[in-house]
Amino acid sequence: MADMNQNESVGAYSNERDLTRGDKVITLLREYAVLILLVALFIALSFASDSFFSLANILNILNQQTPLAIIAVAGTMVIIAGGFDLSTGAIFAVANVLAAWMAVHFGSVTLGLALTPLIGLILGSINGLIVTRLKIHSFLATLASSLAYRAIAVLITGGALISVSDPHFATLGREKFLGVFWAIYVLAGFVLVAGFLLNRTTYGRHVFAIGGNPEAAELSGIAVDRVRVMVFGFSGLAAGLASAIAVSRVASGQPLAGTGIELQAIAAIILGGTSIYGGMGAIWRSLGGVYLIALIGNGFNLMNVNPLFKDLVTGVIILLAVAISASERKRR
């Protein structure tokens, strides 16, 4: 009997140790899987194509994904805080057409592009007020506001394009400084600001706290509603900034601009390991998710593979990321 009890104790200790190892593996996968996949895919594509591993191509990939990356960075904060923002594509469209409209009607390229982040901030803050004041889940609130915002974009233009003939309008989206696109500098600056806010300020600590346990955060004295409004406002600001880059590239306002970009951003964020349940996440991992999706698409193009397989592979990877997140939550 004593031996049996001893064996049971040893077995329980072994199981506890195995669970601990399992926790470590799952945490490691959540935090670094996107980086491992990104590096592996980058190396594979470098061998698959001589033109891939060149400074010009790498800068082009960085530049092409800049609007999506900016939206994903701010969206990371929203999801960490326990919310969803499905309106960024529609905010993107409103800012897009207003930038072109102001450049044409006021004759000021600077005014048109400079006001897009402010427009996004206002629309994003409205989302935050809807969520906090009306107590509507952010998924439904931003889904509804996206329909309204998209309608505003169409009404402004009448469904047509607004072309801007001034060549200076394209500087932000097309021109380079020291061989690097201006848009990449904007992205780098935005990432630094967002990273500082999330990881080095009281605001960032409150974002994590609200996502982890909003009731406990409120009891501890955190102004939960105010922080949520700020989170959605920042997300809207990011959509406006991303729109300024995009509209500058094509030199025309388009009411359907940004369609689907909100889902791409959420996919990249989840792929990067940010928990859909809130309370956990990192900006650098979301950036990894953005460029991992970009490299998957680039790789399939190089191999002349049906683009539908790219979506299939991306979807499977996202499902695995969600499964890892759910498994870690259960263990906690």
C-alpha atoms as a PDB file:
ATOM      1  CA  MET A   1       0.000   0.000   0.000  1.00  0.00           C
ATOM      2  CA  ALA A   2       2.840   2.370   0.846  1.00  0.00           C
ATOM      3  CA  ASP A   3       4.472   1.626  -2.495  1.00  0.00           C
ATOM      4  CA  MET A   4       1.184   2.324  -4.270  1.00  0.00           C
ATOM      5  CA  ASN A   5       0.806   5.686  -2.538  1.00  0.00           C
ATOM      6  CA  GLN A   6       4.391   6.527  -3.361  1.00  0.00           C
ATOM      7  CA  ASN A   7       3.860   5.667  -7.032  1.00  0.00           C
ATOM      8  CA  GLU A   8       0.722   7.825  -7.125  1.00  0.00           C
ATOM      9  CA  SER A   9       2.672  10.720  -5.635  1.00  0.00           C
ATOM     10  CA  VAL A  10       5.441  10.295  -8.166  1.00  0.00           C
ATOM     11  CA  GLY A  11       2.857  10.109 -10.989  1.00  0.00           C
ATOM     12  CA  ALA A  12       1.126  13.270  -9.799  1.00  0.00           C
ATOM     13  CA  TYR A  13       4.449  15.073  -9.627  1.00  0.00           C
ATOM     14  CA  SER A  14       5.334  13.841 -13.119  1.00  0.00           C
ATOM     15  CA  ASN A  15       1.999  15.051 -14.526  1.00  0.00           C
ATOM     16  CA  GLU A  16       2.442  18.433 -12.877  1.00  0.00           C
ATOM     17  CA  ARG A  17       5.927  18.671 -14.346  1.00  0.00           C
ATOM     18  CA  ASP A  18       4.642  17.677 -17.805  1.00  0.00           C
ATOM     19  CA  LEU A  19       1.905  20.300 -17.613  1.00  0.00           C
ATOM     20  CA  THR A  20       4.506  22.881 -16.725  1.00  0.00           C
ATOM     21  CA  ARG A  21       6.556  21.863 -19.736  1.00  0.00           C
ATOM     22  CA  GLY A  22       3.403  21.986 -21.863  1.00  0.00           C
ATOM     23  CA  ASP A  23       2.697  25.507 -20.645  1.00  0.00           C
ATOM     24  CA  LYS A  24       6.200  26.562 -21.577  1.00  0.00           C
ATOM     25  CA  VAL A  25       5.934  25.056 -25.058  1.00  0.00           C
ATOM     26  CA  ILE A  26       2.577  26.717 -25.735  1.00  0.00           C
ATOM     27  CA  THR A  27       3.845  30.070 -24.461  1.00  0.00           C
ATOM     28  CA  LEU A  28       6.968  29.732 -26.594  1.00  0.00           C
ATOM     29  CA  LEU A  29       4.866  28.961 -29.676  1.00  0.00           C
ATOM     30  CA  ARG A  30       2.529  31.883 -29.038  1.00  0.00           C
ATOM     31  CA  GLU A  31       5.372  34.334 -28.575  1.00  0.00           C
ATOM     32  CA  TYR A  32       7.881  33.231 -31.192  1.00  0.00           C
ATOM     33  CA  ALA A  33       6.134  31.012 -33.767  1.00  0.00           C
ATOM     34  CA  VAL A  34       5.492  33.961 -36.084  1.00  0.00           C
ATOM     35  CA  LEU A  35       9.164  34.977 -35.905  1.00  0.00           C
ATOM     36  CA  ILE A  36      10.346  31.422 -36.595  1.00  0.00           C
ATOM     37  CA  LEU A  37       7.970  31.057 -39.552  1.00  0.00           C
ATOM     38  CA  LEU A  38       8.933  34.479 -40.891  1.00  0.00           C
ATOM     39  CA  VAL A  39      12.661  33.713 -40.794  1.00  0.00           C
ATOM     40  CA  ALA A  40      12.155  30.241 -42.297  1.00  0.00           C
ATOM     41  CA  LEU A  41      10.013  31.583 -45.133  1.00  0.00           C
ATOM     42  CA  PHE A  42      12.426  34.438 -45.763  1.00  0.00           C
ATOM     43  CA  ILE A  43      15.339  31.996 -46.101  1.00  0.00           C
ATOM     44  CA  ALA A  44      13.321  29.668 -48.341  1.00  0.00           C
ATOM     45  CA  LEU A  45      12.302  32.499 -50.679  1.00  0.00           C
ATOM     46  CA  SER A  46      15.881  33.751 -50.812  1.00  0.00           C
ATOM     47  CA  PHE A  47      16.928  30.380 -52.251  1.00  0.00           C
ATOM     48  CA  ALA A  48      13.840  30.101 -54.459  1.00  0.00           C
ATOM     49  CA  SER A  49      14.411  33.406 -56.255  1.00  0.00           C
ATOM     50  CA  ASP A  50      17.599  35.363 -56.901  1.00  0.00           C
ATOM     51  CA  SER A  51      15.667  38.613 -57.052  1.00  0.00           C
ATOM     52  CA  PHE A  52      13.919  38.146 -53.698  1.00  0.00           C
ATOM     53  CA  PHE A  53      16.921  38.810 -51.464  1.00  0.00           C
ATOM     54  CA  SER A  54      17.660  42.297 -52.713  1.00  0.00           C
ATOM     55  CA  LEU A  55      17.376  45.632 -50.950  1.00  0.00           C
ATOM     56  CA  ALA A  56      14.994  46.991 -53.570  1.00  0.00           C
ATOM     57  CA  ASN A  57      12.612  44.032 -53.239  1.00  0.00           C
ATOM     58  CA  ILE A  58      12.684  44.067 -49.432  1.00  0.00           C
ATOM     59  CA  LEU A  59      11.977  47.806 -49.365  1.00  0.00           C
ATOM     60  CA  ASN A  60       9.123  47.287 -51.824  1.00  0.00           C
ATOM     61  CA  ILE A  61       7.580  44.599 -49.612  1.00  0.00           C
ATOM     62  CA  LEU A  62       7.908  46.844 -46.548  1.00  0.00           C
ATOM     63  CA  ASN A  63       6.417  49.763 -48.439  1.00  0.00           C
ATOM     64  CA  GLN A  64       3.485  47.834 -49.923  1.00  0.00           C
ATOM     65  CA  GLN A  65       2.364  46.591 -46.513  1.00  0.00           C
ATOM     66  CA  THR A  66       2.777  49.914 -44.687  1.00  0.00           C
ATOM     67  CA  PRO A  67      -0.937  50.874 -44.487  1.00  0.00           C
ATOM     68  CA  LEU A  68      -1.910  47.399 -43.262  1.00  0.00           C
ATOM     69  CA  ALA A  69       0.958  47.341 -40.760  1.00  0.00           C
ATOM     70  CA  ILE A  70      -0.050  50.715 -39.268  1.00  0.00           C
ATOM     71  CA  ILE A  71      -3.653  49.545 -38.809  1.00  0.00           C
ATOM     72  CA  ALA A  72      -2.502  46.220 -37.314  1.00  0.00           C
ATOM     73  CA  VAL A  73      -0.236  47.991 -34.802  1.00  0.00           C
ATOM     74  CA  ALA A  74      -3.120  50.054 -33.423  1.00  0.00           C
ATOM     75  CA  GLY A  75      -5.509  47.105 -33.724  1.00  0.00           C
ATOM     76  CA  THR A  76      -3.222  45.128 -31.426  1.00  0.00           C
ATOM     77  CA  MET A  77      -4.075  47.547 -28.627  1.00  0.00           C
ATOM     78  CA  VAL A  78      -7.797  47.130 -29.313  1.00  0.00           C
ATOM     79  CA  ILE A  79      -7.629  43.341 -29.083  1.00  0.00           C
ATOM     80  CA  ILE A  80      -5.355  43.401 -26.020  1.00  0.00           C
ATOM     81  CA  ALA A  81      -7.998  45.602 -24.381  1.00  0.00           C
ATOM     82  CA  GLY A  82     -10.590  42.926 -25.137  1.00  0.00           C
ATOM     83  CA  GLY A  83     -12.258  44.571 -28.147  1.00  0.00           C
ATOM     84  CA  PHE A  84     -12.558  44.340 -31.918  1.00  0.00           C
ATOM     85  CA  ASP A  85     -12.538  47.125 -34.484  1.00  0.00           C
ATOM     86  CA  LEU A  86     -14.275  46.215 -37.740  1.00  0.00           C
ATOM     87  CA  SER A  87     -14.598  49.831 -38.859  1.00  0.00           C
ATOM     88  CA  THR A  88     -10.982  50.610 -39.777  1.00  0.00           C
ATOM     89  CA  GLY A  89     -11.581  49.849 -43.461  1.00  0.00           C
ATOM     90  CA  ALA A  90     -14.536  52.242 -43.570  1.00  0.00           C
ATOM     91  CA  ILE A  91     -12.632  54.937 -41.648  1.00  0.00           C
ATOM     92  CA  PHE A  92      -9.818  54.400 -44.134  1.00  0.00           C
ATOM     93  CA  ALA A  93     -12.295  55.107 -46.972  1.00  0.00           C
ATOM     94  CA  VAL A  94     -13.718  58.286 -45.402  1.00  0.00           C
ATOM     95  CA  ALA A  95     -10.246  59.691 -44.747  1.00  0.00           C
ATOM     96  CA  ASN A  96      -9.196  58.647 -48.237  1.00  0.00           C
ATOM     97  CA  VAL A  97     -11.907  60.560 -50.083  1.00  0.00           C
ATOM     98  CA  LEU A  98     -11.790  63.589 -47.767  1.00  0.00           C
ATOM     99  CA  ALA A  99      -8.029  63.932 -48.299  1.00  0.00           C
ATOM    100  CA  ALA A 100      -8.507  64.029 -52.059  1.00  0.00           C
ATOM    101  CA  TRP A 101     -11.605  66.259 -51.793  1.00  0.00           C
ATOM    102  CA  MET A 102      -9.803  68.851 -49.668  1.00  0.00           C
ATOM    103  CA  ALA A 103      -6.728  68.774 -51.912  1.00  0.00           C
ATOM    104  CA  VAL A 104      -8.932  69.489 -54.947  1.00  0.00           C
ATOM    105  CA  HIS A 105     -11.380  72.018 -53.474  1.00  0.00           C
ATOM    106  CA  PHE A 106      -9.019  73.897 -51.149  1.00  0.00           C
ATOM    107  CA  GLY A 107      -5.942  73.558 -53.344  1.00  0.00           C
ATOM    108  CA  SER A 108      -3.844  72.377 -50.387  1.00  0.00           C
ATOM    109  CA  VAL A 109      -2.148  68.997 -50.606  1.00  0.00           C
ATOM    110  CA  THR A 110      -0.698  69.400 -47.120  1.00  0.00           C
ATOM    111  CA  LEU A 111      -4.088  70.144 -45.573  1.00  0.00           C
ATOM    112  CA  GLY A 112      -5.714  67.154 -47.235  1.00  0.00           C
ATOM    113  CA  LEU A 113      -3.102  64.643 -46.083  1.00  0.00           C
ATOM    114  CA  ALA A 114      -2.445  66.183 -42.661  1.00  0.00           C
ATOM    115  CA  LEU A 115      -6.084  66.064 -41.604  1.00  0.00           C
ATOM    116  CA  THR A 116      -6.606  62.368 -42.356  1.00  0.00           C
ATOM    117  CA  PRO A 117      -5.280  61.170 -38.969  1.00  0.00           C
ATOM    118  CA  LEU A 118      -7.513  63.720 -37.231  1.00  0.00           C
ATOM    119  CA  ILE A 119     -10.532  62.500 -39.207  1.00  0.00           C
ATOM    120  CA  GLY A 120      -9.686  58.946 -38.201  1.00  0.00           C
ATOM    121  CA  LEU A 121      -9.245  59.962 -34.569  1.00  0.00           C
ATOM    122  CA  ILE A 122     -12.706  61.554 -34.496  1.00  0.00           C
ATOM    123  CA  LEU A 123     -14.436  58.582 -36.114  1.00  0.00           C
ATOM    124  CA  GLY A 124     -12.560  56.108 -33.914  1.00  0.00           C
ATOM    125  CA  SER A 125     -13.462  58.038 -30.776  1.00  0.00           C
ATOM    126  CA  ILE A 126     -17.118  57.919 -31.836  1.00  0.00           C
ATOM    127  CA  ASN A 127     -16.756  54.136 -31.940  1.00  0.00           C
ATOM    128  CA  GLY A 128     -15.369  54.197 -28.419  1.00  0.00           C
ATOM    129  CA  LEU A 129     -18.246  56.329 -27.161  1.00  0.00           C
ATOM    130  CA  ILE A 130     -20.783  53.992 -28.769  1.00  0.00           C
ATOM    131  CA  VAL A 131     -19.161  50.998 -27.084  1.00  0.00           C
ATOM    132  CA  THR A 132     -18.854  52.610 -23.652  1.00  0.00           C
ATOM    133  CA  ARG A 133     -21.977  54.792 -23.463  1.00  0.00           C
ATOM    134  CA  LEU A 134     -24.433  52.448 -25.129  1.00  0.00           C
ATOM    135  CA  LYS A 135     -22.817  49.309 -23.677  1.00  0.00           C
ATOM    136  CA  ILE A 136     -22.749  47.588 -27.060  1.00  0.00           C
ATOM    137  CA  HIS A 137     -20.175  44.906 -27.765  1.00  0.00           C
ATOM    138  CA  SER A 138     -17.373  46.342 -29.872  1.00  0.00           C
ATOM    139  CA  PHE A 139     -17.839  43.691 -32.573  1.00  0.00           C
ATOM    140  CA  LEU A 140     -21.427  44.782 -33.228  1.00  0.00           C
ATOM    141  CA  ALA A 141     -20.796  48.486 -32.624  1.00  0.00           C
ATOM    142  CA  THR A 142     -17.932  48.744 -35.107  1.00  0.00           C
ATOM    143  CA  LEU A 143     -19.706  46.516 -37.611  1.00  0.00           C
ATOM    144  CA  ALA A 144     -22.636  48.960 -37.595  1.00  0.00           C
ATOM    145  CA  SER A 145     -20.432  52.054 -37.683  1.00  0.00           C
ATOM    146  CA  SER A 146     -18.461  50.607 -40.603  1.00  0.00           C
ATOM    147  CA  LEU A 147     -21.652  50.519 -42.667  1.00  0.00           C
ATOM    148  CA  ALA A 148     -22.402  54.149 -41.776  1.00  0.00           C
ATOM    149  CA  TYR A 149     -18.860  55.352 -42.441  1.00  0.00           C
ATOM    150  CA  ARG A 150     -18.660  53.553 -45.757  1.00  0.00           C
ATOM    151  CA  ALA A 151     -21.951  55.185 -46.789  1.00  0.00           C
ATOM    152  CA  ILE A 152     -20.489  58.598 -45.893  1.00  0.00           C
ATOM    153  CA  ALA A 153     -17.496  57.914 -48.155  1.00  0.00           C
ATOM    154  CA  VAL A 154     -19.804  57.060 -51.056  1.00  0.00           C
ATOM    155  CA  LEU A 155     -21.994  60.116 -50.434  1.00  0.00           C
ATOM    156  CA  ILE A 156     -18.980  62.454 -50.455  1.00  0.00           C
ATOM    157  CA  THR A 157     -17.878  61.258 -53.873  1.00  0.00           C
ATOM    158  CA  GLY A 158     -21.185  60.167 -55.375  1.00  0.00           C
ATOM    159  CA  GLY A 159     -19.530  56.812 -55.956  1.00  0.00           C
ATOM    160  CA  ALA A 160     -16.906  58.276 -58.306  1.00  0.00           C
ATOM    161  CA  LEU A 161     -13.170  58.821 -57.943  1.00  0.00           C
ATOM    162  CA  ILE A 162     -11.673  62.156 -56.912  1.00  0.00           C
ATOM    163  CA  SER A 163      -8.435  62.587 -58.853  1.00  0.00           C
ATOM    164  CA  VAL A 164      -5.685  64.909 -57.631  1.00  0.00           C
ATOM    165  CA  SER A 165      -3.452  66.361 -60.341  1.00  0.00           C
ATOM    166  CA  ASP A 166      -0.933  68.095 -58.064  1.00  0.00           C
ATOM    167  CA  PRO A 167       2.287  65.987 -58.249  1.00  0.00           C
ATOM    168  CA  HIS A 168       3.197  66.876 -54.658  1.00  0.00           C
ATOM    169  CA  PHE A 169       0.188  64.872 -53.476  1.00  0.00           C
ATOM    170  CA  ALA A 170       2.074  61.655 -54.341  1.00  0.00           C
ATOM    171  CA  THR A 171       5.202  62.502 -52.338  1.00  0.00           C
ATOM    172  CA  LEU A 172       4.191  60.631 -49.178  1.00  0.00           C
ATOM    173  CA  GLY A 173       3.183  57.465 -50.976  1.00  0.00           C
ATOM    174  CA  ARG A 174       5.721  57.257 -53.792  1.00  0.00           C
ATOM    175  CA  GLU A 175       8.833  59.303 -53.051  1.00  0.00           C
ATOM    176  CA  LYS A 176      11.998  58.225 -51.234  1.00  0.00           C
ATOM    177  CA  PHE A 177      14.446  59.829 -48.841  1.00  0.00           C
ATOM    178  CA  LEU A 178      17.976  58.389 -48.758  1.00  0.00           C
ATOM    179  CA  GLY A 179      16.734  55.491 -50.854  1.00  0.00           C
ATOM    180  CA  VAL A 180      13.895  54.569 -48.471  1.00  0.00           C
ATOM    181  CA  PHE A 181      10.214  55.303 -49.074  1.00  0.00           C
ATOM    182  CA  TRP A 182       8.758  58.044 -46.894  1.00  0.00           C
ATOM    183  CA  ALA A 183       5.968  55.654 -45.913  1.00  0.00           C
ATOM    184  CA  ILE A 184       8.474  53.335 -44.231  1.00  0.00           C
ATOM    185  CA  TYR A 185       9.753  56.205 -42.094  1.00  0.00           C
ATOM    186  CA  VAL A 186       6.159  56.973 -41.104  1.00  0.00           C
ATOM    187  CA  LEU A 187       5.591  53.326 -40.168  1.00  0.00           C
ATOM    188  CA  ALA A 188       8.802  53.200 -38.116  1.00  0.00           C
ATOM    189  CA  GLY A 189       7.844  56.347 -36.214  1.00  0.00           C
ATOM    190  CA  PHE A 190       4.325  55.096 -35.596  1.00  0.00           C
ATOM    191  CA  VAL A 191       5.598  51.738 -34.302  1.00  0.00           C
ATOM    192  CA  LEU A 192       7.969  53.481 -31.893  1.00  0.00           C
ATOM    193  CA  VAL A 193       5.193  55.720 -30.555  1.00  0.00           C
ATOM    194  CA  ALA A 194       2.722  52.845 -30.212  1.00  0.00           C
ATOM    195  CA  GLY A 195       5.321  50.607 -28.588  1.00  0.00           C
ATOM    196  CA  PHE A 196       6.199  53.306 -26.086  1.00  0.00           C
ATOM    197  CA  LEU A 197       2.534  53.911 -25.224  1.00  0.00           C
ATOM    198  CA  LEU A 198       1.789  50.216 -24.767  1.00  0.00           C
ATOM    199  CA  ASN A 199       4.919  49.136 -22.916  1.00  0.00           C
ATOM    200  CA  ARG A 200       6.242  52.208 -21.125  1.00  0.00           C
ATOM    201  CA  THR A 201       3.223  54.175 -19.913  1.00  0.00           C
ATOM    202  CA  THR A 202       0.416  53.897 -17.385  1.00  0.00           C
ATOM    203  CA  TYR A 203      -2.010  53.923 -20.297  1.00  0.00           C
ATOM    204  CA  GLY A 204      -0.413  50.750 -21.680  1.00  0.00           C
ATOM    205  CA  ARG A 205      -0.602  48.998 -18.312  1.00  0.00           C
ATOM    206  CA  HIS A 206      -4.270  49.899 -18.120  1.00  0.00           C
ATOM    207  CA  VAL A 207      -4.869  48.465 -21.604  1.00  0.00           C
ATOM    208  CA  PHE A 208      -3.444  45.118 -20.522  1.00  0.00           C
ATOM    209  CA  ALA A 209      -5.344  45.223 -17.236  1.00  0.00           C
ATOM    210  CA  ILE A 210      -8.690  45.913 -18.922  1.00  0.00           C
ATOM    211  CA  GLY A 211      -8.169  43.101 -21.396  1.00  0.00           C
ATOM    212  CA  GLY A 212      -7.200  40.668 -18.664  1.00  0.00           C
ATOM    213  CA  ASN A 213     -10.066  41.443 -16.281  1.00  0.00           C
ATOM    214  CA  PRO A 214     -12.180  44.588 -16.835  1.00  0.00           C
ATOM    215  CA  GLU A 215     -14.116  44.170 -13.577  1.00  0.00           C
ATOM    216  CA  ALA A 216     -10.946  43.929 -11.501  1.00  0.00           C
ATOM    217  CA  ALA A 217      -9.454  46.864 -13.437  1.00  0.00           C
ATOM    218  CA  GLU A 218     -12.458  49.016 -12.628  1.00  0.00           C
ATOM    219  CA  LEU A 219     -12.368  48.034  -8.956  1.00  0.00           C
ATOM    220  CA  SER A 220      -8.698  49.001  -8.834  1.00  0.00           C
ATOM    221  CA  GLY A 221      -9.557  52.542  -9.900  1.00  0.00           C
ATOM    222  CA  ILE A 222      -8.831  52.407 -13.631  1.00  0.00           C
ATOM    223  CA  ALA A 223     -11.122  54.571 -15.774  1.00  0.00           C
ATOM    224  CA  VAL A 224     -12.102  51.652 -18.011  1.00  0.00           C
ATOM    225  CA  ASP A 225     -14.444  53.565 -20.310  1.00  0.00           C
ATOM    226  CA  ARG A 226     -11.965  56.368 -20.883  1.00  0.00           C
ATOM    227  CA  VAL A 227      -9.182  53.953 -21.765  1.00  0.00           C
ATOM    228  CA  ARG A 228     -11.473  52.109 -24.189  1.00  0.00           C
ATOM    229  CA  VAL A 229     -12.396  55.358 -25.934  1.00  0.00           C
ATOM    230  CA  MET A 230      -8.687  56.165 -26.225  1.00  0.00           C
ATOM    231  CA  VAL A 231      -7.962  52.710 -27.664  1.00  0.00           C
ATOM    232  CA  PHE A 232     -10.610  53.056 -30.369  1.00  0.00           C
ATOM    233  CA  GLY A 233      -9.562  56.654 -31.024  1.00  0.00           C
ATOM    234  CA  PHE A 234      -5.981  55.521 -31.578  1.00  0.00           C
ATOM    235  CA  SER A 235      -7.193  52.780 -33.914  1.00  0.00           C
ATOM    236  CA  GLY A 236      -9.114  55.351 -35.941  1.00  0.00           C
ATOM    237  CA  LEU A 237      -6.091  57.652 -36.028  1.00  0.00           C
ATOM    238  CA  ALA A 238      -4.028  54.768 -37.420  1.00  0.00           C
ATOM    239  CA  ALA A 239      -6.631  54.095 -40.118  1.00  0.00           C
ATOM    240  CA  GLY A 240      -6.516  57.768 -41.104  1.00  0.00           C
ATOM    241  CA  LEU A 241      -2.712  57.791 -41.229  1.00  0.00           C
ATOM    242  CA  ALA A 242      -2.661  54.596 -43.291  1.00  0.00           C
ATOM    243  CA  SER A 243      -5.217  56.135 -45.631  1.00  0.00           C
ATOM    244  CA  ALA A 244      -3.020  59.196 -46.186  1.00  0.00           C
ATOM    245  CA  ILE A 245      -0.244  56.932 -47.454  1.00  0.00           C
ATOM    246  CA  ALA A 246      -2.590  54.913 -49.652  1.00  0.00           C
ATOM    247  CA  VAL A 247      -4.382  57.888 -51.250  1.00  0.00           C
ATOM    248  CA  SER A 248      -1.049  59.568 -51.901  1.00  0.00           C
ATOM    249  CA  ARG A 249       0.155  56.521 -53.834  1.00  0.00           C
ATOM    250  CA  VAL A 250      -2.727  56.482 -56.302  1.00  0.00           C
ATOM    251  CA  ALA A 251      -3.414  60.256 -56.223  1.00  0.00           C
ATOM    252  CA  SER A 252      -7.172  59.718 -56.099  1.00  0.00           C
ATOM    253  CA  GLY A 253      -9.838  59.320 -53.443  1.00  0.00           C
ATOM    254  CA  GLN A 254     -11.794  56.082 -53.729  1.00  0.00           C
ATOM    255  CA  PRO A 255     -14.981  55.382 -51.728  1.00  0.00           C
ATOM    256  CA  LEU A 256     -14.275  51.638 -51.775  1.00  0.00           C
ATOM    257  CA  ALA A 257     -10.674  52.021 -50.615  1.00  0.00           C
ATOM    258  CA  GLY A 258      -9.698  49.863 -47.668  1.00  0.00           C
ATOM    259  CA  THR A 259     -12.348  47.202 -48.260  1.00  0.00           C
ATOM    260  CA  GLY A 260     -11.361  44.139 -46.243  1.00  0.00           C
ATOM    261  CA  ILE A 261      -8.261  45.711 -44.693  1.00  0.00           C
ATOM    262  CA  GLU A 262      -9.785  45.429 -41.204  1.00  0.00           C
ATOM    263  CA  LEU A 263     -10.037  41.635 -41.565  1.00  0.00           C
ATOM    264  CA  GLN A 264      -6.493  41.423 -42.906  1.00  0.00           C
ATOM    265  CA  ALA A 265      -5.263  43.397 -39.900  1.00  0.00           C
ATOM    266  CA  ILE A 266      -7.113  41.169 -37.413  1.00  0.00           C
ATOM    267  CA  ALA A 267      -5.753  38.077 -39.171  1.00  0.00           C
ATOM    268  CA  ALA A 268      -2.196  39.416 -38.895  1.00  0.00           C
ATOM    269  CA  ILE A 269      -2.688  40.293 -35.210  1.00  0.00           C
ATOM    270  CA  ILE A 270      -4.036  36.835 -34.338  1.00  0.00           C
ATOM    271  CA  LEU A 271      -1.340  35.196 -36.461  1.00  0.00           C
ATOM    272  CA  GLY A 272       1.204  37.155 -34.431  1.00  0.00           C
ATOM    273  CA  GLY A 273       0.004  35.497 -31.241  1.00  0.00           C
ATOM    274  CA  THR A 274      -2.103  38.229 -29.653  1.00  0.00           C
ATOM    275  CA  SER A 275      -4.844  36.518 -27.651  1.00  0.00           C
ATOM    276  CA  ILE A 276      -8.373  37.063 -29.008  1.00  0.00           C
ATOM    277  CA  TYR A 277      -9.502  36.904 -25.374  1.00  0.00           C
ATOM    278  CA  GLY A 278      -7.539  40.038 -24.491  1.00  0.00           C
ATOM    279  CA  GLY A 279      -4.858  40.776 -21.932  1.00  0.00           C
ATOM    280  CA  MET A 280      -1.908  39.435 -23.948  1.00  0.00           C
ATOM    281  CA  GLY A 281      -0.138  40.595 -27.075  1.00  0.00           C
ATOM    282  CA  ALA A 282       2.771  42.502 -28.562  1.00  0.00           C
ATOM    283  CA  ILE A 283       3.142  44.980 -31.397  1.00  0.00           C
ATOM    284  CA  TRP A 284       6.255  43.391 -32.873  1.00  0.00           C
ATOM    285  CA  ARG A 285       4.439  40.072 -33.233  1.00  0.00           C
ATOM    286  CA  SER A 286       1.587  41.737 -35.121  1.00  0.00           C
ATOM    287  CA  LEU A 287       4.122  43.258 -37.501  1.00  0.00           C
ATOM    288  CA  GLY A 288       5.538  39.772 -37.929  1.00  0.00           C
ATOM    289  CA  GLY A 289       2.040  38.552 -38.789  1.00  0.00           C
ATOM    290  CA  VAL A 290       1.612  41.280 -41.424  1.00  0.00           C
ATOM    291  CA  TYR A 291       4.849  40.458 -43.190  1.00  0.00           C
ATOM    292  CA  LEU A 292       4.423  36.698 -42.818  1.00  0.00           C
ATOM    293  CA  ILE A 293       1.148  36.937 -44.757  1.00  0.00           C
ATOM    294  CA  ALA A 294       2.909  39.163 -47.300  1.00  0.00           C
ATOM    295  CA  LEU A 295       5.740  36.670 -47.761  1.00  0.00           C
ATOM    296  CA  ILE A 296       3.311  33.767 -48.113  1.00  0.00           C
ATOM    297  CA  GLY A 297       1.628  35.641 -50.959  1.00  0.00           C
ATOM    298  CA  ASN A 298       4.993  36.575 -52.459  1.00  0.00           C
ATOM    299  CA  GLY A 299       6.189  32.988 -52.287  1.00  0.00           C
ATOM    300  CA  PHE A 300       3.091  31.599 -53.966  1.00  0.00           C
ATOM    301  CA  ASN A 301       3.474  34.182 -56.731  1.00  0.00           C
ATOM    302  CA  LEU A 302       7.096  33.165 -57.292  1.00  0.00           C
ATOM    303  CA  MET A 303       6.061  29.524 -57.562  1.00  0.00           C
ATOM    304  CA  ASN A 304       3.061  30.352 -59.786  1.00  0.00           C
ATOM    305  CA  VAL A 305       0.723  28.561 -57.387  1.00  0.00           C
ATOM    306  CA  ASN A 306      -3.029  29.181 -57.401  1.00  0.00           C
ATOM    307  CA  PRO A 307      -3.679  32.197 -55.099  1.00  0.00           C
ATOM    308  CA  LEU A 308      -6.507  30.272 -53.417  1.00  0.00           C
ATOM    309  CA  PHE A 309      -3.906  28.004 -51.818  1.00  0.00           C
ATOM    310  CA  LYS A 310      -2.324  31.090 -50.265  1.00  0.00           C
ATOM    311  CA  ASP A 311      -5.613  31.840 -48.497  1.00  0.00           C
ATOM    312  CA  LEU A 312      -5.900  28.185 -47.465  1.00  0.00           C
ATOM    313  CA  VAL A 313      -2.427  28.112 -45.923  1.00  0.00           C
ATOM    314  CA  THR A 314      -2.948  31.460 -44.202  1.00  0.00           C
ATOM    315  CA  GLY A 315      -6.293  30.302 -42.808  1.00  0.00           C
ATOM    316  CA  VAL A 316      -4.825  27.094 -41.418  1.00  0.00           C
ATOM    317  CA  ILE A 317      -1.991  28.990 -39.722  1.00  0.00           C
ATOM    318  CA  ILE A 318      -4.463  31.445 -38.168  1.00  0.00           C
ATOM    319  CA  LEU A 319      -6.601  28.568 -36.880  1.00  0.00           C
ATOM    320  CA  LEU A 320      -3.510  27.048 -35.260  1.00  0.00           C
ATOM    321  CA  ALA A 321      -2.689  30.414 -33.665  1.00  0.00           C
ATOM    322  CA  VAL A 322      -6.227  30.675 -32.257  1.00  0.00           C
ATOM    323  CA  ALA A 323      -6.025  27.082 -30.977  1.00  0.00           C
ATOM    324  CA  ILE A 324      -2.760  27.835 -29.183  1.00  0.00           C
ATOM    325  CA  SER A 325      -4.298  30.953 -27.643  1.00  0.00           C
ATOM    326  CA  ALA A 326      -7.362  29.005 -26.478  1.00  0.00           C
ATOM    327  CA  SER A 327      -5.231  26.200 -25.067  1.00  0.00           C
ATOM    328  CA  GLU A 328      -3.087  28.636 -23.086  1.00  0.00           C
ATOM    329  CA  ARG A 329      -6.215  30.339 -21.715  1.00  0.00           C
ATOM    330  CA  LYS A 330      -7.602  27.000 -20.508  1.00  0.00           C
ATOM    331  CA  ARG A 331      -4.340  26.141 -18.778  1.00  0.00           C
ATOM    332  CA  ARG A 332      -4.403  29.496 -16.980  1.00  0.00           C
END
